[in-house]
Amino acid sequence: MKNQRYTVIISFMALLIVIVFFLKANDMQDAVVDTSATQNISVVNGVAEPEKYAFDLQVPKAGTYIISAKWKLERPGFITGLIVSDKQGKEVFAVTAESCEADSVSLQLEEAVYAVEFYYLSNSQVYEQFLLDREFENTEMYEDFESNGSWEWQYQIKLIKTVNMKGIAVFCGLIAGVLFTILFLALTKTDKNVKCKFDERQELVRGKGFQYGFFSMLICNLLFTCMELAEMPLFAEFEVLILISSIIGIGVCVVYCIWNEGYFALNENKKRLMILFAVISVMNFIVGGFWIFKDMVIRNGKLTYYSTNLFCGLLFIIIYLTMLLKRICKDGKDE
């Protein structure tokens, strides 16, 4: 039992280090450029003066950045359109609003000077043309244009250096998965062994469970692939869909094995296992809630890989409820 205790302590500490590293990496963002100004705009017969405001944005080093834009009008009257373009004139970020607080997606920017242009869209014609040129979709038409008046317009532009969170998330996820598996196996055993022990009947049940799980995952993968090839609208990024199909396969396998009494090993503490599954589910939902708070779960109408914790939490809830229901049915049958 002493070796088992050491395994638990070492694995738990290593898992905490990985989690802290991941959370620290998520905060590794630094505003390398922070520009703000105030502009007075006059509108005469629906025409703004000046028509736009422009300046250069120097990217000090090639890398991954987020462009953060914020502007405010003291009262309604016209729309502002923002365009950030590279030296070839290719637009890398564009947004339009009356008052705005918006961040771009992560952008790969070169070490160069980028053009920033604010257009004052003071009538419906120039506003509609701005939308058409950008091919903006699902944008409500603005109707509160003022033909004459003066406004004070305040803006702020930040260039934020970011890290490759996708790569870090995958790396931390793999390491955490290995550590948690070791910790999980050590905590749920009734003897010194980490390996699970099953009898012949359980092995047969598990073989059937793996078979059903494999074909469930295969069907989901084929379905999502056909939808992608047919260019059908998908509710999530493709890597998320692959993970969902894996979760479905795992869920089918585990539920079948639990219901046919082939899941719990002979040297496994069932009560301790159920408690751990409940804790895992709660932890996944906490992490998923953190990403929801960061507004990173949905991008461009699709679920991102930051939503995977929510699906993992749902899987463990289903497994836990299946265990609980099976136990209730077994106790009722015994009575």
Protein backbone atom coordinates (compact mmCIF):
# COMPACT_ATOMS: atom_id res chain seq x y z
CA MET A 1 0.00 0.00 0.00
CA LYS A 2 2.98 2.30 0.57
CA ASN A 3 3.92 2.21 -3.15
CA GLN A 4 0.32 2.94 -4.02
CA ARG A 5 0.33 5.94 -1.66
CA TYR A 6 3.50 7.33 -3.25
CA THR A 7 2.01 6.88 -6.72
CA VAL A 8 -1.08 8.86 -5.70
CA ILE A 9 0.93 11.71 -4.15
CA ILE A 10 3.38 12.06 -7.05
CA SER A 11 0.66 11.85 -9.72
CA PHE A 12 -1.54 14.37 -7.89
CA MET A 13 1.29 16.89 -7.52
CA ALA A 14 2.31 16.51 -11.16
CA LEU A 15 -1.32 16.97 -12.24
CA LEU A 16 -1.57 20.19 -10.21
CA ILE A 17 1.64 21.50 -11.86
CA VAL A 18 0.19 20.83 -15.34
CA ILE A 19 -3.09 22.59 -14.46
CA VAL A 20 -1.28 25.64 -13.02
CA PHE A 21 0.97 25.82 -16.09
CA PHE A 22 -2.05 25.72 -18.41
CA LEU A 23 -3.93 28.44 -16.52
CA LYS A 24 -0.77 30.59 -16.39
CA ALA A 25 -0.24 30.15 -20.13
CA ASN A 26 -3.81 31.32 -20.77
CA ASP A 27 -3.00 34.64 -19.09
CA MET A 28 0.21 35.16 -21.11
CA GLN A 29 -1.21 38.03 -23.10
CA ASP A 30 0.45 41.40 -23.32
CA ALA A 31 -0.79 44.58 -25.03
CA VAL A 32 2.23 45.58 -27.13
CA VAL A 33 0.35 48.56 -28.66
CA ASP A 34 -2.30 50.64 -26.89
CA THR A 35 -3.54 53.68 -28.83
CA SER A 36 -6.45 55.97 -28.02
CA ALA A 37 -7.70 59.36 -29.18
CA THR A 38 -10.71 61.65 -29.36
CA GLN A 39 -12.15 62.99 -32.64
CA ASN A 40 -14.81 65.61 -33.35
CA ILE A 41 -17.10 64.73 -36.29
CA SER A 42 -19.62 67.00 -37.99
CA VAL A 43 -22.41 65.71 -40.20
CA VAL A 44 -23.90 68.10 -42.76
CA ASN A 45 -26.75 66.86 -44.98
CA GLY A 46 -25.82 63.27 -44.21
CA VAL A 47 -22.12 63.66 -45.07
CA ALA A 48 -19.49 63.29 -42.34
CA GLU A 49 -16.56 65.65 -42.01
CA PRO A 50 -13.98 64.16 -41.87
CA GLU A 51 -15.16 61.04 -43.69
CA LYS A 52 -12.57 58.82 -42.03
CA TYR A 53 -9.66 58.70 -39.61
CA ALA A 54 -6.53 56.66 -40.42
CA PHE A 55 -3.17 55.84 -38.84
CA ASP A 56 -0.45 53.17 -39.01
CA LEU A 57 -0.20 50.24 -36.62
CA GLN A 58 3.34 48.89 -36.20
CA VAL A 59 3.57 45.17 -35.42
CA PRO A 60 6.96 44.88 -33.67
CA LYS A 61 7.47 41.16 -34.25
CA ALA A 62 5.83 38.42 -36.29
CA GLY A 63 3.52 36.26 -34.20
CA THR A 64 -0.02 35.60 -33.04
CA TYR A 65 -2.01 38.69 -32.02
CA ILE A 66 -5.52 39.81 -31.15
CA ILE A 67 -6.72 43.22 -32.30
CA SER A 68 -8.97 44.75 -29.67
CA ALA A 69 -11.15 47.70 -30.71
CA LYS A 70 -13.29 49.97 -28.58
CA TRP A 71 -15.08 53.19 -29.43
CA LYS A 72 -17.94 55.22 -28.04
CA LEU A 73 -20.32 57.93 -29.19
CA GLU A 74 -21.83 60.40 -26.76
CA ARG A 75 -25.21 59.92 -28.51
CA PRO A 76 -26.57 58.04 -31.56
CA GLY A 77 -26.12 59.55 -35.01
CA PHE A 78 -23.89 57.48 -37.29
CA ILE A 79 -22.07 54.15 -37.58
CA THR A 80 -18.31 53.63 -37.43
CA GLY A 81 -16.60 51.02 -39.59
CA LEU A 82 -13.11 49.77 -38.73
CA ILE A 83 -10.71 48.14 -41.22
CA VAL A 84 -7.19 46.88 -40.47
CA SER A 85 -5.19 46.01 -43.61
CA ASP A 86 -1.69 44.76 -44.37
CA LYS A 87 0.74 46.49 -46.76
CA GLN A 88 -0.79 44.66 -49.75
CA GLY A 89 -4.21 46.05 -48.86
CA LYS A 90 -5.61 42.72 -47.64
CA GLU A 91 -8.06 43.22 -44.79
CA VAL A 92 -7.16 41.19 -41.69
CA PHE A 93 -9.89 42.57 -39.41
CA ALA A 94 -13.09 44.53 -39.97
CA VAL A 95 -16.00 45.43 -37.72
CA THR A 96 -18.81 47.97 -37.72
CA ALA A 97 -21.01 49.34 -34.94
CA GLU A 98 -22.35 52.51 -33.37
CA SER A 99 -20.46 51.93 -30.11
CA CYS A 100 -18.18 48.93 -29.97
CA GLU A 101 -16.09 46.60 -27.82
CA ALA A 102 -14.80 43.84 -30.09
CA ASP A 103 -11.81 41.51 -30.32
CA SER A 104 -10.58 39.77 -33.43
CA VAL A 105 -9.83 36.06 -33.56
CA SER A 106 -6.16 35.13 -33.13
CA LEU A 107 -4.32 36.49 -36.17
CA GLN A 108 -0.93 35.60 -37.61
CA LEU A 109 0.64 39.01 -38.26
CA GLU A 110 3.98 39.78 -39.86
CA GLU A 111 6.52 42.29 -38.60
CA ALA A 112 5.23 45.20 -40.65
CA VAL A 113 3.14 48.34 -40.67
CA TYR A 114 -0.62 47.78 -40.89
CA ALA A 115 -3.13 50.42 -41.93
CA VAL A 116 -5.96 51.24 -39.52
CA GLU A 117 -8.94 53.11 -40.98
CA PHE A 118 -12.07 54.30 -39.22
CA TYR A 119 -14.90 55.20 -41.61
CA TYR A 120 -17.74 57.43 -40.42
CA LEU A 121 -20.83 55.92 -42.07
CA SER A 122 -23.26 58.80 -41.76
CA ASN A 123 -26.03 57.68 -44.14
CA SER A 124 -27.68 54.44 -45.23
CA GLN A 125 -25.99 54.37 -48.66
CA VAL A 126 -22.38 54.41 -47.41
CA TYR A 127 -23.29 52.05 -44.57
CA GLU A 128 -24.86 49.46 -46.91
CA GLN A 129 -21.90 49.73 -49.28
CA PHE A 130 -19.48 49.13 -46.40
CA LEU A 131 -21.38 45.96 -45.49
CA LEU A 132 -21.47 44.75 -49.10
CA ASP A 133 -17.75 45.31 -49.61
CA ARG A 134 -16.97 43.22 -46.51
CA GLU A 135 -19.69 40.62 -47.28
CA PHE A 136 -20.93 40.92 -43.71
CA GLU A 137 -23.77 38.55 -42.84
CA ASN A 138 -26.59 38.75 -40.28
CA THR A 139 -26.05 42.48 -39.73
CA GLU A 140 -29.10 44.52 -38.74
CA MET A 141 -29.70 47.67 -40.72
CA TYR A 142 -29.18 50.93 -38.85
CA GLU A 143 -31.97 53.50 -39.05
CA ASP A 144 -30.99 56.28 -36.63
CA PHE A 145 -28.80 58.34 -38.97
CA GLU A 146 -28.76 62.07 -38.19
CA SER A 147 -28.51 64.40 -41.21
CA ASN A 148 -26.88 67.23 -39.27
CA GLY A 149 -24.99 67.60 -36.00
CA SER A 150 -21.68 67.31 -34.20
CA TRP A 151 -20.31 64.40 -32.20
CA GLU A 152 -17.35 63.56 -30.04
CA TRP A 153 -15.97 60.13 -30.90
CA GLN A 154 -13.48 58.27 -28.67
CA TYR A 155 -11.58 55.18 -29.74
CA GLN A 156 -9.02 52.74 -28.36
CA ILE A 157 -7.04 50.14 -30.31
CA LYS A 158 -4.94 47.44 -28.63
CA LEU A 159 -2.61 44.95 -30.24
CA ILE A 160 -2.38 42.00 -27.85
CA LYS A 161 0.36 39.39 -28.12
CA THR A 162 -1.01 35.92 -27.46
CA VAL A 163 0.32 32.40 -27.13
CA ASN A 164 -0.71 29.33 -29.12
CA MET A 165 -3.32 28.14 -26.64
CA LYS A 166 -4.49 25.37 -28.94
CA GLY A 167 -1.09 23.67 -28.93
CA ILE A 168 -0.65 24.23 -25.20
CA ALA A 169 -4.14 22.86 -24.51
CA VAL A 170 -3.43 19.68 -26.48
CA PHE A 171 -0.03 19.19 -24.79
CA CYS A 172 -1.40 19.80 -21.29
CA GLY A 173 -4.41 17.63 -22.02
CA LEU A 174 -2.24 14.67 -23.04
CA ILE A 175 0.05 14.98 -20.02
CA ALA A 176 -2.88 15.50 -17.64
CA GLY A 177 -4.69 12.51 -19.17
CA VAL A 178 -1.73 10.19 -18.55
CA LEU A 179 -1.24 11.46 -14.99
CA PHE A 180 -4.92 11.29 -14.18
CA THR A 181 -5.15 7.72 -15.51
CA ILE A 182 -2.32 6.65 -13.20
CA LEU A 183 -3.92 8.49 -10.29
CA PHE A 184 -7.34 7.05 -11.13
CA LEU A 185 -6.09 3.45 -11.29
CA ALA A 186 -4.17 3.82 -8.03
CA LEU A 187 -7.07 5.34 -6.07
CA THR A 188 -9.76 2.88 -7.14
CA LYS A 189 -7.95 -0.40 -6.37
CA THR A 190 -8.51 -2.51 -3.26
CA ASP A 191 -5.05 -4.10 -3.47
CA LYS A 192 -1.52 -2.97 -4.33
CA ASN A 193 -1.99 -3.62 -8.05
CA VAL A 194 -2.71 -0.78 -10.46
CA LYS A 195 -3.84 -3.22 -13.16
CA CYS A 196 -7.53 -4.15 -13.34
CA LYS A 197 -8.51 -7.82 -12.89
CA PHE A 198 -11.53 -9.30 -14.72
CA ASP A 199 -12.97 -12.81 -14.92
CA GLU A 200 -13.79 -14.59 -18.21
CA ARG A 201 -17.45 -13.52 -18.28
CA GLN A 202 -16.49 -9.87 -17.77
CA GLU A 203 -13.90 -10.10 -20.57
CA LEU A 204 -16.63 -11.33 -22.95
CA VAL A 205 -18.95 -8.47 -21.92
CA ARG A 206 -16.16 -5.93 -22.37
CA GLY A 207 -15.37 -7.32 -25.81
CA LYS A 208 -19.00 -6.75 -26.84
CA GLY A 209 -18.89 -3.28 -25.31
CA PHE A 210 -15.76 -2.35 -27.27
CA GLN A 211 -17.41 -3.64 -30.43
CA TYR A 212 -20.56 -1.54 -29.98
CA GLY A 213 -18.50 1.49 -28.99
CA PHE A 214 -16.22 1.14 -32.03
CA PHE A 215 -19.10 0.93 -34.50
CA SER A 216 -20.88 3.87 -32.82
CA MET A 217 -17.74 6.00 -33.17
CA LEU A 218 -17.24 4.83 -36.77
CA ILE A 219 -20.80 5.78 -37.74
CA CYS A 220 -20.43 9.23 -36.16
CA ASN A 221 -17.09 9.83 -37.92
CA LEU A 222 -18.55 8.82 -41.29
CA LEU A 223 -21.59 11.05 -40.71
CA PHE A 224 -19.53 14.12 -39.79
CA THR A 225 -17.09 13.49 -42.66
CA CYS A 226 -19.95 13.25 -45.20
CA MET A 227 -21.43 16.47 -43.83
CA GLU A 228 -18.05 18.20 -44.18
CA LEU A 229 -17.53 16.95 -47.75
CA ALA A 230 -21.07 17.99 -48.68
CA GLU A 231 -20.33 21.46 -47.20
CA MET A 232 -23.32 21.17 -44.90
CA PRO A 233 -23.44 23.60 -41.96
CA LEU A 234 -21.78 22.07 -38.90
CA PHE A 235 -22.42 23.11 -35.30
CA ALA A 236 -18.78 22.69 -34.25
CA GLU A 237 -15.22 22.79 -35.55
CA PHE A 238 -14.16 19.55 -37.20
CA GLU A 239 -11.74 18.48 -34.44
CA VAL A 240 -14.55 18.97 -31.91
CA LEU A 241 -16.82 16.72 -33.99
CA ILE A 242 -14.15 14.00 -33.98
CA LEU A 243 -13.90 14.28 -30.19
CA ILE A 244 -17.70 14.10 -29.88
CA SER A 245 -17.74 10.89 -31.92
CA SER A 246 -15.04 9.46 -29.62
CA ILE A 247 -17.06 10.44 -26.54
CA ILE A 248 -20.16 8.76 -28.02
CA GLY A 249 -18.15 5.58 -28.68
CA ILE A 250 -16.74 5.58 -25.15
CA GLY A 251 -20.18 6.24 -23.69
CA VAL A 252 -21.80 3.36 -25.58
CA CYS A 253 -19.01 0.97 -24.53
CA VAL A 254 -19.00 1.97 -20.85
CA VAL A 255 -22.80 2.03 -20.46
CA TYR A 256 -23.09 -1.43 -22.03
CA CYS A 257 -20.35 -2.84 -19.77
CA ILE A 258 -21.85 -1.29 -16.63
CA TRP A 259 -25.35 -2.57 -17.39
CA ASN A 260 -24.05 -6.09 -18.08
CA GLU A 261 -21.75 -6.11 -15.02
CA GLY A 262 -18.53 -6.15 -16.99
CA TYR A 263 -17.15 -2.72 -16.11
CA PHE A 264 -16.01 -2.94 -12.49
CA ALA A 265 -12.80 -4.91 -11.97
CA LEU A 266 -12.63 -7.58 -9.28
CA ASN A 267 -10.05 -5.54 -7.39
CA GLU A 268 -11.89 -2.21 -7.75
CA ASN A 269 -13.65 -0.19 -5.09
CA LYS A 270 -17.03 0.65 -6.66
CA LYS A 271 -18.00 3.35 -4.17
CA ARG A 272 -14.67 5.12 -4.56
CA LEU A 273 -14.98 4.89 -8.35
CA MET A 274 -18.44 6.50 -8.34
CA ILE A 275 -17.20 9.36 -6.14
CA LEU A 276 -14.28 9.96 -8.51
CA PHE A 277 -16.60 10.05 -11.55
CA ALA A 278 -18.78 12.64 -9.82
CA VAL A 279 -15.70 14.76 -9.01
CA ILE A 280 -14.40 14.47 -12.60
CA SER A 281 -17.76 15.59 -13.96
CA VAL A 282 -17.88 18.63 -11.68
CA MET A 283 -14.28 19.58 -12.54
CA ASN A 284 -14.99 19.40 -16.27
CA PHE A 285 -18.05 21.63 -15.91
CA ILE A 286 -16.05 24.12 -13.84
CA VAL A 287 -13.38 24.33 -16.56
CA GLY A 288 -16.11 24.53 -19.22
CA GLY A 289 -17.75 27.36 -17.30
CA PHE A 290 -14.40 29.16 -17.16
CA TRP A 291 -14.15 29.04 -20.98
CA ILE A 292 -17.76 30.22 -21.29
CA PHE A 293 -16.90 33.17 -19.04
CA LYS A 294 -13.91 33.89 -21.30
CA ASP A 295 -16.30 33.81 -24.29
CA MET A 296 -14.14 31.22 -26.06
CA VAL A 297 -16.59 28.32 -26.42
CA ILE A 298 -18.31 29.62 -29.57
CA ARG A 299 -16.58 31.34 -32.47
CA ASN A 300 -18.33 32.25 -35.72
CA GLY A 301 -21.39 30.27 -34.70
CA LYS A 302 -19.43 27.04 -34.07
CA LEU A 303 -18.30 25.24 -30.94
CA THR A 304 -14.52 25.48 -30.49
CA TYR A 305 -12.20 22.95 -28.83
CA TYR A 306 -12.71 24.93 -25.60
CA SER A 307 -16.16 23.28 -25.42
CA THR A 308 -14.68 19.80 -25.04
CA ASN A 309 -14.72 19.96 -21.23
CA LEU A 310 -18.48 20.36 -21.31
CA PHE A 311 -18.84 17.20 -23.43
CA CYS A 312 -16.45 15.30 -21.15
CA GLY A 313 -18.44 16.43 -18.12
CA LEU A 314 -21.66 15.25 -19.79
CA LEU A 315 -20.06 11.84 -20.52
CA PHE A 316 -19.08 11.33 -16.88
CA ILE A 317 -22.55 12.38 -15.71
CA ILE A 318 -24.09 9.73 -17.99
CA ILE A 319 -21.62 7.11 -16.70
CA TYR A 320 -22.28 8.08 -13.08
CA LEU A 321 -26.07 7.98 -13.54
CA THR A 322 -25.80 4.58 -15.26
CA MET A 323 -23.78 3.26 -12.30
CA LEU A 324 -26.32 4.68 -9.86
CA LEU A 325 -29.32 3.29 -11.77
CA LYS A 326 -27.70 -0.14 -12.10
CA ARG A 327 -26.99 -0.20 -8.38
CA ILE A 328 -30.59 0.76 -7.54
CA CYS A 329 -31.96 -1.93 -9.87
CA LYS A 330 -29.61 -4.55 -8.42
CA ASP A 331 -30.52 -3.64 -4.82
CA GLY A 332 -34.22 -3.84 -5.71
CA LYS A 333 -33.74 -7.23 -7.34
CA ASP A 334 -31.79 -8.56 -4.31
CA GLU A 335 -34.56 -7.46 -1.95
